[in-house]
């Protein structure tokens, strides 16, 4: 049971490893983009390529009998997107397990990769756990660690965790089938949550330590993205880095001292922006934008701040 590109890779590796997949349950096909074209989920594409039955239930819990008839030995979930009732989770002989992209009990919830970066973690990982009705509350079967590089974004870290998660799962499954595991309860005192990113959290306030601003921004690239307000219009950030240095500028001031990027002042440093997108425009590099607009040196343009822009 899975929907995303992350879970599609997991499914693909299970197929390559010769596990017998009796069926895939993913979210239903949705209409996407301006043209509202119907698009298959990434997992559905992999399943159909391998002649695997696909089910796209609007509500899986209304389809107990369908899952029961498949007679699965085990249910594996990964980024599925629906809450699954206990009666379905208890159908298989070897129960139901989940691949979760964090070192539980840290970062329960739907955005563990985002928050690991946003909070400046140096490492994260994957957890294989038994499924319960609670949010990522099940006993831990196995775990593996993945280091977070200072240049990692949610996208690059997801790629690392995707490969690691598939390897951990394939290594763990034989132990489950051979009853060779000792699952452990999660320590309730160490629980943290990573709830889905709300739209207001995509707004960047530069009046913070530069490393905190940088972590916030790279934790949102490329999905769902991040923005600020310039001259009462949104400016989205697509490629950036940071530098730590002392200065006397107000947070949010834009400085242009290079042909390759512009800088935004933060506390104890600057965010260096290489690619951005003005409201209603395409993504552009600063070097291309500057060549086309003949910008002069700027040091007094301040990004407007305010909660009214975060809705």
Protein backbone atom coordinates (compact mmCIF):
# COMPACT_ATOMS: atom_id res chain seq x y z
CA UNK A 1 0.00 0.00 0.00
CA UNK A 2 1.71 3.16 -1.24
CA UNK A 3 1.28 6.10 -3.57
CA UNK A 4 4.37 8.31 -3.99
CA UNK A 5 7.64 8.06 -5.92
CA UNK A 6 9.27 6.96 -2.66
CA UNK A 7 6.88 4.03 -2.33
CA UNK A 8 7.13 3.28 -6.06
CA UNK A 9 10.86 2.66 -5.65
CA UNK A 10 10.15 0.38 -2.68
CA UNK A 11 7.65 -1.58 -4.79
CA UNK A 12 10.08 -1.83 -7.69
CA UNK A 13 12.83 -3.22 -5.45
CA UNK A 14 10.46 -5.81 -3.98
CA UNK A 15 9.62 -6.95 -7.51
CA UNK A 16 13.30 -7.12 -8.49
CA UNK A 17 13.97 -9.16 -5.34
CA UNK A 18 11.37 -11.73 -6.50
CA UNK A 19 8.79 -11.17 -3.78
CA UNK A 20 5.33 -12.16 -4.97
CA UNK A 21 3.22 -9.00 -4.92
CA UNK A 22 -0.46 -10.05 -4.96
CA UNK A 23 -1.78 -6.51 -5.28
CA UNK A 24 -1.13 -2.78 -4.94
CA UNK A 25 -3.41 -0.34 -3.13
CA UNK A 26 -2.70 3.32 -3.94
CA UNK A 27 -4.60 6.56 -3.82
CA UNK A 28 -7.04 6.97 -6.73
CA UNK A 29 -5.95 8.67 -9.95
CA UNK A 30 -6.35 12.44 -9.70
CA UNK A 31 -6.71 15.31 -12.16
CA UNK A 32 -3.52 17.38 -12.04
CA UNK A 33 -2.27 20.64 -13.54
CA UNK A 34 -3.98 23.42 -15.43
CA UNK A 35 -5.39 21.01 -18.00
CA UNK A 36 -6.78 18.76 -15.24
CA UNK A 37 -5.47 15.65 -16.94
CA UNK A 38 -5.87 12.36 -15.09
CA UNK A 39 -2.49 11.13 -13.85
CA UNK A 40 -1.68 7.71 -12.45
CA UNK A 41 0.15 7.46 -9.16
CA UNK A 42 3.85 6.49 -9.37
CA UNK A 43 3.17 3.14 -7.69
CA UNK A 44 0.34 2.34 -10.10
CA UNK A 45 2.65 2.88 -13.06
CA UNK A 46 5.17 0.37 -11.66
CA UNK A 47 2.46 -2.14 -10.79
CA UNK A 48 0.85 -2.08 -14.23
CA UNK A 49 4.25 -2.48 -15.90
CA UNK A 50 4.64 -5.70 -13.91
CA UNK A 51 1.11 -7.07 -14.33
CA UNK A 52 0.18 -6.48 -10.69
CA UNK A 53 -3.43 -5.87 -9.74
CA UNK A 54 -4.09 -2.28 -8.68
CA UNK A 55 -6.79 -0.94 -6.37
CA UNK A 56 -7.44 2.79 -6.03
CA UNK A 57 -9.94 2.99 -3.18
CA UNK A 58 -11.39 6.32 -2.14
CA UNK A 59 -11.62 4.76 1.32
CA UNK A 60 -9.72 1.55 1.93
CA UNK A 61 -11.70 0.80 5.08
CA UNK A 62 -14.83 0.24 2.99
CA UNK A 63 -13.03 -2.58 1.17
CA UNK A 64 -12.15 -5.12 3.84
CA UNK A 65 -13.51 -8.04 1.79
CA UNK A 66 -11.34 -7.16 -1.24
CA UNK A 67 -8.15 -7.23 0.85
CA UNK A 68 -9.27 -10.41 2.62
CA UNK A 69 -9.79 -12.20 -0.70
CA UNK A 70 -6.20 -11.45 -1.75
CA UNK A 71 -4.99 -13.57 1.19
CA UNK A 72 -1.80 -11.54 1.73
CA UNK A 73 0.93 -13.03 3.92
CA UNK A 74 1.96 -9.48 4.86
CA UNK A 75 0.85 -5.93 4.13
CA UNK A 76 3.62 -3.40 3.53
CA UNK A 77 2.70 0.27 3.67
CA UNK A 78 4.84 3.23 2.64
CA UNK A 79 3.53 6.77 2.06
CA UNK A 80 0.05 5.47 1.28
CA UNK A 81 -1.97 8.46 2.45
CA UNK A 82 -4.99 6.92 4.16
CA UNK A 83 -5.65 5.78 7.71
CA UNK A 84 -6.12 2.00 7.76
CA UNK A 85 -8.42 0.37 10.30
CA UNK A 86 -7.15 -2.38 12.57
CA UNK A 87 -9.40 -5.07 11.07
CA UNK A 88 -7.57 -4.74 7.75
CA UNK A 89 -4.12 -4.50 9.36
CA UNK A 90 -4.75 -7.81 11.14
CA UNK A 91 -5.67 -9.77 8.00
CA UNK A 92 -2.17 -11.07 7.11
CA UNK A 93 -0.42 -13.96 8.85
CA UNK A 94 2.69 -11.85 9.40
CA UNK A 95 0.70 -8.70 10.24
CA UNK A 96 1.17 -5.31 8.60
CA UNK A 97 4.36 -3.27 8.56
CA UNK A 98 5.31 0.25 7.54
CA UNK A 99 8.45 1.84 6.07
CA UNK A 100 8.75 5.25 7.75
CA UNK A 101 11.47 7.75 6.80
CA UNK A 102 12.65 8.73 10.26
CA UNK A 103 14.29 7.23 13.32
CA UNK A 104 11.13 6.69 15.33
CA UNK A 105 9.91 7.80 17.77
CA UNK A 106 11.26 11.05 16.30
CA UNK A 107 9.21 12.65 13.54
CA UNK A 108 6.02 10.68 13.53
CA UNK A 109 3.63 11.92 10.85
CA UNK A 110 3.54 12.87 7.19
CA UNK A 111 6.58 15.13 6.71
CA UNK A 112 9.55 13.52 8.51
CA UNK A 113 12.07 14.31 5.76
CA UNK A 114 11.10 17.98 5.63
CA UNK A 115 11.38 18.49 9.37
CA UNK A 116 14.65 16.63 9.77
CA UNK A 117 16.21 19.23 7.47
CA UNK A 118 14.26 22.21 8.80
CA UNK A 119 15.37 21.40 12.35
CA UNK A 120 19.01 21.10 11.32
CA UNK A 121 19.40 17.40 12.13
CA UNK A 122 22.75 15.82 11.25
CA UNK A 123 21.24 12.37 10.72
CA UNK A 124 17.93 10.66 10.13
CA UNK A 125 17.02 7.23 8.79
CA UNK A 126 14.33 4.63 8.19
CA UNK A 127 12.23 2.56 10.54
CA UNK A 128 10.40 -0.68 9.78
CA UNK A 129 7.58 -1.02 12.32
CA UNK A 130 4.39 -2.93 12.94
CA UNK A 131 1.27 -1.02 11.99
CA UNK A 132 -1.27 0.09 14.58
CA UNK A 133 -4.26 2.41 14.36
CA UNK A 134 -2.26 5.22 16.00
CA UNK A 135 -0.05 7.61 14.02
CA UNK A 136 3.29 5.76 13.60
CA UNK A 137 2.99 4.29 17.10
CA UNK A 138 3.81 0.63 16.34
CA UNK A 139 6.67 -1.44 17.70
CA UNK A 140 10.02 -1.02 15.95
CA UNK A 141 11.30 -4.02 13.98
CA UNK A 142 14.48 -2.55 12.46
CA UNK A 143 16.18 0.78 11.78
CA UNK A 144 19.04 2.24 9.72
CA UNK A 145 20.71 5.64 9.80
CA UNK A 146 21.31 8.11 6.96
CA UNK A 147 23.56 11.16 7.31
CA UNK A 148 22.23 14.60 6.32
CA UNK A 149 24.63 16.79 4.37
CA UNK A 150 24.56 20.58 4.79
CA UNK A 151 23.62 20.85 1.10
CA UNK A 152 20.83 18.27 1.22
CA UNK A 153 17.32 19.35 0.34
CA UNK A 154 14.12 17.43 0.93
CA UNK A 155 14.48 16.07 -2.61
CA UNK A 156 18.07 14.81 -2.29
CA UNK A 157 17.54 13.43 1.20
CA UNK A 158 14.39 11.65 0.04
CA UNK A 159 16.44 9.93 -2.67
CA UNK A 160 18.95 8.73 -0.07
CA UNK A 161 16.23 7.49 2.27
CA UNK A 162 14.34 5.82 -0.56
CA UNK A 163 17.31 3.60 -1.44
CA UNK A 164 18.14 2.96 2.21
CA UNK A 165 14.52 2.15 3.06
CA UNK A 166 14.22 -0.41 0.27
CA UNK A 167 17.47 -2.08 1.35
CA UNK A 168 16.36 -2.19 4.98
CA UNK A 169 12.98 -3.65 4.07
CA UNK A 170 14.40 -6.40 1.85
CA UNK A 171 16.92 -7.26 4.58
CA UNK A 172 14.20 -7.31 7.27
CA UNK A 173 11.47 -9.34 5.53
CA UNK A 174 13.22 -12.76 5.80
CA UNK A 175 13.65 -12.23 9.54
CA UNK A 176 9.93 -11.50 9.84
CA UNK A 177 8.98 -14.63 7.89
CA UNK A 178 11.43 -16.74 9.94
CA UNK A 179 10.18 -15.31 13.24
CA UNK A 180 13.66 -13.99 13.93
CA UNK A 181 12.89 -10.51 15.22
CA UNK A 182 12.51 -8.83 18.59
CA UNK A 183 10.35 -5.79 18.08
CA UNK A 184 10.70 -3.04 20.68
CA UNK A 185 8.22 -0.48 21.92
CA UNK A 186 8.78 3.16 21.09
CA UNK A 187 9.93 5.37 23.95
CA UNK A 188 7.00 7.72 24.53
CA UNK A 189 9.30 10.27 26.17
CA UNK A 190 11.19 10.77 22.88
CA UNK A 191 8.18 11.25 20.59
CA UNK A 192 8.18 14.23 18.20
CA UNK A 193 5.84 14.98 15.31
CA UNK A 194 6.19 16.12 11.71
CA UNK A 195 2.70 17.05 10.63
CA UNK A 196 2.02 17.90 7.00
CA UNK A 197 3.39 21.28 5.89
CA UNK A 198 0.78 24.03 6.09
CA UNK A 199 0.76 26.78 3.51
CA UNK A 200 1.63 29.45 6.08
CA UNK A 201 4.88 27.61 6.84
CA UNK A 202 6.09 28.14 3.26
CA UNK A 203 6.57 31.86 4.02
CA UNK A 204 10.17 32.74 4.90
CA UNK A 205 10.94 35.29 7.62
CA UNK A 206 14.55 36.44 7.28
CA UNK A 207 14.70 37.99 10.74
CA UNK A 208 16.37 34.88 12.21
CA UNK A 209 19.81 33.28 12.40
CA UNK A 210 20.99 32.62 8.84
CA UNK A 211 21.45 28.87 9.39
CA UNK A 212 17.86 28.57 10.63
CA UNK A 213 16.58 30.43 7.58
CA UNK A 214 18.70 28.27 5.27
CA UNK A 215 17.47 25.04 6.89
CA UNK A 216 13.87 26.23 6.63
CA UNK A 217 14.27 27.02 2.92
CA UNK A 218 16.09 23.82 1.91
CA UNK A 219 13.58 21.77 3.88
CA UNK A 220 10.83 23.02 1.57
CA UNK A 221 12.61 22.67 -1.81
CA UNK A 222 11.21 21.61 -4.20
CA UNK A 223 7.95 20.49 -2.64
CA UNK A 224 6.00 22.42 -1.46
CA UNK A 225 8.37 25.36 -2.08
CA UNK A 226 9.05 28.58 -0.18
CA UNK A 227 8.57 32.29 -0.80
CA UNK A 228 8.80 35.83 0.54
CA UNK A 229 7.20 39.11 -0.51
CA UNK A 230 8.98 41.68 -2.67
CA UNK A 231 7.15 44.88 -3.62
CA UNK A 232 3.84 43.32 -2.55
CA UNK A 233 4.32 40.27 -4.81
CA UNK A 234 5.53 36.76 -4.13
CA UNK A 235 9.08 35.76 -4.94
CA UNK A 236 9.77 32.03 -4.82
CA UNK A 237 13.24 30.63 -4.20
CA UNK A 238 14.60 27.72 -6.23
CA UNK A 239 18.39 27.65 -5.79
CA UNK A 240 20.33 29.22 -2.93
CA UNK A 241 23.12 28.84 -0.41
CA UNK A 242 24.20 30.77 2.68
CA UNK A 243 27.17 32.55 4.17
CA UNK A 244 27.82 33.45 7.79
CA UNK A 245 29.27 36.89 8.42
CA UNK A 246 28.65 39.87 10.65
CA UNK A 247 26.95 42.94 9.16
CA UNK A 248 24.88 45.93 10.21
CA UNK A 249 22.03 45.56 7.72
CA UNK A 250 18.39 45.10 8.63
CA UNK A 251 17.09 41.56 8.12
CA UNK A 252 15.44 41.24 4.71
CA UNK A 253 17.59 43.81 2.94
CA UNK A 254 18.68 42.75 -0.55
CA UNK A 255 22.32 43.24 -1.54
CA UNK A 256 23.64 42.82 -5.08
CA UNK A 257 27.42 42.46 -5.20
CA UNK A 258 27.72 39.64 -7.75
CA UNK A 259 26.56 38.80 -11.26
CA UNK A 260 25.64 35.26 -10.16
CA UNK A 261 23.36 35.85 -7.17
CA UNK A 262 21.75 38.41 -4.90
CA UNK A 263 21.92 38.24 -1.12
CA UNK A 264 19.25 38.64 1.54
CA UNK A 265 20.38 39.77 4.96
CA UNK A 266 19.63 37.58 7.96
CA UNK A 267 20.99 37.64 11.50
CA UNK A 268 24.72 36.87 11.29
CA UNK A 269 24.76 36.22 7.56
CA UNK A 270 23.12 36.19 4.15
CA UNK A 271 21.05 33.85 1.97
CA UNK A 272 22.58 33.85 -1.54
CA UNK A 273 19.85 33.36 -4.18
CA UNK A 274 20.89 31.93 -7.57
CA UNK A 275 17.50 31.02 -9.07
CA UNK A 276 14.11 32.51 -8.24
CA UNK A 277 10.64 33.09 -9.62
CA UNK A 278 8.73 36.33 -9.54
CA UNK A 279 4.95 36.14 -9.28
CA UNK A 280 3.43 35.21 -12.64
CA UNK A 281 6.86 34.60 -14.21
CA UNK A 282 9.05 31.60 -15.01
CA UNK A 283 12.00 30.42 -12.94
CA UNK A 284 15.11 32.40 -13.87
CA UNK A 285 18.74 32.56 -12.82
CA UNK A 286 19.87 35.83 -11.31
CA UNK A 287 22.61 36.19 -13.92
CA UNK A 288 20.03 35.95 -16.74
CA UNK A 289 17.61 38.26 -14.96
CA UNK A 290 20.27 40.87 -14.32
CA UNK A 291 21.49 40.81 -17.93
CA UNK A 292 17.97 41.35 -19.17
CA UNK A 293 17.03 44.06 -16.68
CA UNK A 294 20.30 45.97 -16.34
CA UNK A 295 20.12 46.12 -12.57
CA UNK A 296 22.28 48.49 -10.61
CA UNK A 297 23.79 47.73 -7.21
CA UNK A 298 20.97 47.58 -4.65
CA UNK A 299 21.33 47.72 -0.90
CA UNK A 300 18.09 49.19 0.38
CA UNK A 301 15.25 47.04 -0.97
CA UNK A 302 13.56 45.32 1.94
CA UNK A 303 11.36 42.24 1.69
CA UNK A 304 8.03 43.13 3.25
CA UNK A 305 7.18 41.03 6.27
CA UNK A 306 3.82 40.27 7.79
CA UNK A 307 1.45 37.43 8.61
CA UNK A 308 -1.08 38.72 6.07
CA UNK A 309 1.18 37.33 3.32
CA UNK A 310 1.32 33.86 4.83
CA UNK A 311 -2.27 32.84 4.08
